[in-house]
N, C-alpha and C. Protein backbone atom coordinates (compact mmCIF):
# COMPACT_ATOMS: atom_id res chain seq x y z
N MET A 1 -6.18 9.19 9.35
CA MET A 1 -7.11 8.44 8.54
C MET A 1 -6.71 6.97 8.54
N THR A 2 -7.68 6.10 8.57
CA THR A 2 -7.45 4.66 8.46
C THR A 2 -8.38 4.09 7.40
N LEU A 3 -7.99 2.95 6.89
CA LEU A 3 -8.85 2.26 5.94
C LEU A 3 -9.64 1.20 6.70
N PRO A 4 -10.90 1.02 6.38
CA PRO A 4 -11.69 -0.03 7.03
C PRO A 4 -11.06 -1.40 6.76
N ALA A 5 -11.10 -2.26 7.75
CA ALA A 5 -10.50 -3.59 7.64
C ALA A 5 -11.11 -4.39 6.49
N ASN A 6 -12.42 -4.24 6.27
CA ASN A 6 -13.03 -5.01 5.18
C ASN A 6 -12.56 -4.52 3.81
N MET A 7 -12.23 -3.24 3.69
CA MET A 7 -11.70 -2.73 2.42
C MET A 7 -10.28 -3.25 2.21
N LEU A 8 -9.48 -3.21 3.26
CA LEU A 8 -8.10 -3.67 3.17
C LEU A 8 -8.04 -5.16 2.82
N ALA A 9 -9.02 -5.92 3.30
CA ALA A 9 -9.05 -7.36 3.04
C ALA A 9 -9.30 -7.70 1.58
N ILE A 10 -9.98 -6.83 0.84
CA ILE A 10 -10.29 -7.15 -0.55
C ILE A 10 -9.36 -6.49 -1.56
N LEU A 11 -8.56 -5.52 -1.11
CA LEU A 11 -7.64 -4.85 -2.03
C LEU A 11 -6.41 -5.71 -2.27
N ALA A 12 -5.86 -5.65 -3.47
CA ALA A 12 -4.66 -6.40 -3.82
C ALA A 12 -3.77 -5.53 -4.70
N CYS A 13 -2.50 -5.85 -4.70
CA CYS A 13 -1.55 -5.15 -5.56
C CYS A 13 -1.93 -5.41 -7.02
N PRO A 14 -2.06 -4.37 -7.81
CA PRO A 14 -2.42 -4.58 -9.22
C PRO A 14 -1.33 -5.28 -10.03
N SER A 15 -0.10 -5.25 -9.53
CA SER A 15 1.00 -5.85 -10.26
C SER A 15 1.13 -7.36 -9.99
N CYS A 16 1.19 -7.74 -8.69
CA CYS A 16 1.42 -9.14 -8.34
C CYS A 16 0.21 -9.82 -7.71
N LYS A 17 -0.85 -9.05 -7.45
CA LYS A 17 -2.09 -9.54 -6.82
C LYS A 17 -1.87 -9.95 -5.36
N GLY A 18 -0.77 -9.47 -4.77
CA GLY A 18 -0.46 -9.79 -3.38
C GLY A 18 -1.18 -8.89 -2.39
N LYS A 19 -1.04 -9.24 -1.13
CA LYS A 19 -1.66 -8.51 -0.03
C LYS A 19 -1.02 -7.12 0.10
N LEU A 20 -1.85 -6.13 0.44
CA LEU A 20 -1.38 -4.78 0.69
C LEU A 20 -1.43 -4.49 2.18
N VAL A 21 -0.46 -3.73 2.66
CA VAL A 21 -0.37 -3.36 4.06
C VAL A 21 -0.57 -1.85 4.17
N TRP A 22 -1.36 -1.43 5.14
CA TRP A 22 -1.66 -0.01 5.34
C TRP A 22 -0.51 0.67 6.09
N ASN A 23 -0.02 1.77 5.56
CA ASN A 23 0.96 2.62 6.23
C ASN A 23 0.27 3.95 6.52
N GLY A 24 -0.27 4.07 7.71
CA GLY A 24 -1.02 5.26 8.08
C GLY A 24 -0.18 6.52 8.18
N ASP A 25 1.12 6.36 8.47
CA ASP A 25 1.99 7.53 8.58
C ASP A 25 2.07 8.32 7.28
N LYS A 26 2.03 7.60 6.16
CA LYS A 26 2.15 8.26 4.86
C LYS A 26 0.90 8.11 4.00
N SER A 27 -0.16 7.54 4.57
CA SER A 27 -1.41 7.29 3.82
C SER A 27 -1.12 6.56 2.51
N GLU A 28 -0.50 5.38 2.66
CA GLU A 28 -0.14 4.57 1.50
C GLU A 28 -0.50 3.11 1.76
N LEU A 29 -0.72 2.39 0.69
CA LEU A 29 -0.85 0.94 0.72
C LEU A 29 0.45 0.36 0.19
N ILE A 30 1.05 -0.55 0.95
CA ILE A 30 2.36 -1.08 0.63
C ILE A 30 2.24 -2.52 0.14
N CYS A 31 2.91 -2.81 -0.97
CA CYS A 31 3.05 -4.18 -1.45
C CYS A 31 4.49 -4.60 -1.14
N ARG A 32 4.64 -5.52 -0.20
CA ARG A 32 5.98 -5.97 0.18
C ARG A 32 6.64 -6.76 -0.94
N GLY A 33 5.89 -7.55 -1.67
CA GLY A 33 6.44 -8.37 -2.74
C GLY A 33 7.06 -7.56 -3.86
N GLU A 34 6.37 -6.53 -4.29
CA GLU A 34 6.85 -5.69 -5.39
C GLU A 34 7.64 -4.48 -4.88
N GLN A 35 7.63 -4.27 -3.58
CA GLN A 35 8.27 -3.11 -2.94
C GLN A 35 7.76 -1.81 -3.53
N LEU A 36 6.42 -1.69 -3.57
CA LEU A 36 5.76 -0.50 -4.10
C LEU A 36 4.81 0.08 -3.07
N ALA A 37 4.64 1.39 -3.11
CA ALA A 37 3.69 2.10 -2.25
C ALA A 37 2.70 2.83 -3.14
N TYR A 38 1.42 2.59 -2.88
CA TYR A 38 0.34 3.23 -3.62
C TYR A 38 -0.31 4.28 -2.74
N PRO A 39 -0.44 5.51 -3.20
CA PRO A 39 -1.03 6.56 -2.36
C PRO A 39 -2.54 6.38 -2.16
N VAL A 40 -3.01 6.89 -1.03
CA VAL A 40 -4.44 6.92 -0.74
C VAL A 40 -4.78 8.38 -0.47
N LYS A 41 -5.61 8.96 -1.33
CA LYS A 41 -5.97 10.37 -1.21
C LYS A 41 -7.46 10.49 -0.96
N GLU A 42 -7.79 11.16 0.13
CA GLU A 42 -9.19 11.35 0.52
C GLU A 42 -9.93 10.03 0.63
N GLY A 43 -9.22 9.00 1.13
CA GLY A 43 -9.82 7.69 1.33
C GLY A 43 -9.92 6.83 0.10
N ILE A 44 -9.38 7.29 -1.02
CA ILE A 44 -9.48 6.54 -2.27
C ILE A 44 -8.08 6.06 -2.69
N PRO A 45 -7.86 4.72 -2.74
CA PRO A 45 -6.56 4.20 -3.15
C PRO A 45 -6.32 4.42 -4.64
N ALA A 46 -5.13 4.87 -4.97
CA ALA A 46 -4.73 5.04 -6.38
C ALA A 46 -3.88 3.83 -6.75
N LEU A 47 -4.53 2.74 -7.13
CA LEU A 47 -3.84 1.50 -7.44
C LEU A 47 -3.45 1.44 -8.91
N LEU A 48 -2.61 2.37 -9.29
CA LEU A 48 -2.11 2.47 -10.66
C LEU A 48 -0.59 2.42 -10.64
N ALA A 49 0.00 1.72 -11.58
CA ALA A 49 1.45 1.62 -11.64
C ALA A 49 2.09 3.00 -11.74
N SER A 50 1.45 3.90 -12.46
CA SER A 50 2.01 5.24 -12.63
C SER A 50 1.97 6.07 -11.34
N ALA A 51 1.10 5.70 -10.40
CA ALA A 51 0.99 6.43 -9.14
C ALA A 51 1.89 5.86 -8.05
N ALA A 52 2.40 4.65 -8.24
CA ALA A 52 3.19 3.97 -7.22
C ALA A 52 4.61 4.53 -7.15
N ARG A 53 5.18 4.37 -5.97
CA ARG A 53 6.60 4.72 -5.79
C ARG A 53 7.32 3.50 -5.23
N GLU A 54 8.61 3.41 -5.50
CA GLU A 54 9.40 2.30 -4.99
C GLU A 54 9.71 2.54 -3.52
N VAL A 55 9.74 1.44 -2.78
CA VAL A 55 10.01 1.50 -1.34
C VAL A 55 11.32 0.76 -1.07
N SER A 56 12.19 1.36 -0.30
CA SER A 56 13.47 0.72 0.02
C SER A 56 13.26 -0.40 1.05
N LYS A 57 14.22 -1.31 1.11
CA LYS A 57 14.15 -2.41 2.08
C LYS A 57 14.15 -1.87 3.51
N GLU A 58 14.91 -0.82 3.76
CA GLU A 58 14.95 -0.22 5.09
C GLU A 58 13.57 0.34 5.48
N GLU A 59 12.91 0.96 4.53
CA GLU A 59 11.58 1.50 4.79
C GLU A 59 10.57 0.37 5.04
N LEU A 60 10.68 -0.71 4.28
CA LEU A 60 9.79 -1.87 4.47
C LEU A 60 9.93 -2.45 5.87
N GLU A 61 11.15 -2.50 6.37
CA GLU A 61 11.39 -3.04 7.71
C GLU A 61 10.71 -2.22 8.79
N GLN A 62 10.51 -0.95 8.57
CA GLN A 62 9.91 -0.08 9.56
C GLN A 62 8.38 -0.15 9.56
N ILE A 63 7.79 -0.70 8.51
CA ILE A 63 6.34 -0.77 8.37
C ILE A 63 5.84 -2.06 8.99
N LYS A 64 4.88 -1.93 9.90
CA LYS A 64 4.32 -3.11 10.55
C LYS A 64 3.37 -3.83 9.59
N SER A 65 3.32 -5.14 9.71
CA SER A 65 2.43 -5.95 8.87
C SER A 65 1.02 -5.85 9.31
C-alpha cells in the first residue's frame, strides 16, 4: 500500500506540524523531528498522540526521506 503524493503533501505531524515521511514497510507516517511513527490502517492515518510510537535514531537512519 502507498499513500497518494497529494495526501502526503498536506499531512503534518500533529505535535510539531512538521513534514511526515511515508514508511511503506511498516505502513507508518514518520515525523523525524519528534521521532514518532503514526500508523496507517486501511489507508487512514491515525494522527493521534496516543496512537504514535517512538522511533529510534537507528530506525530513522534506515527510512528514506
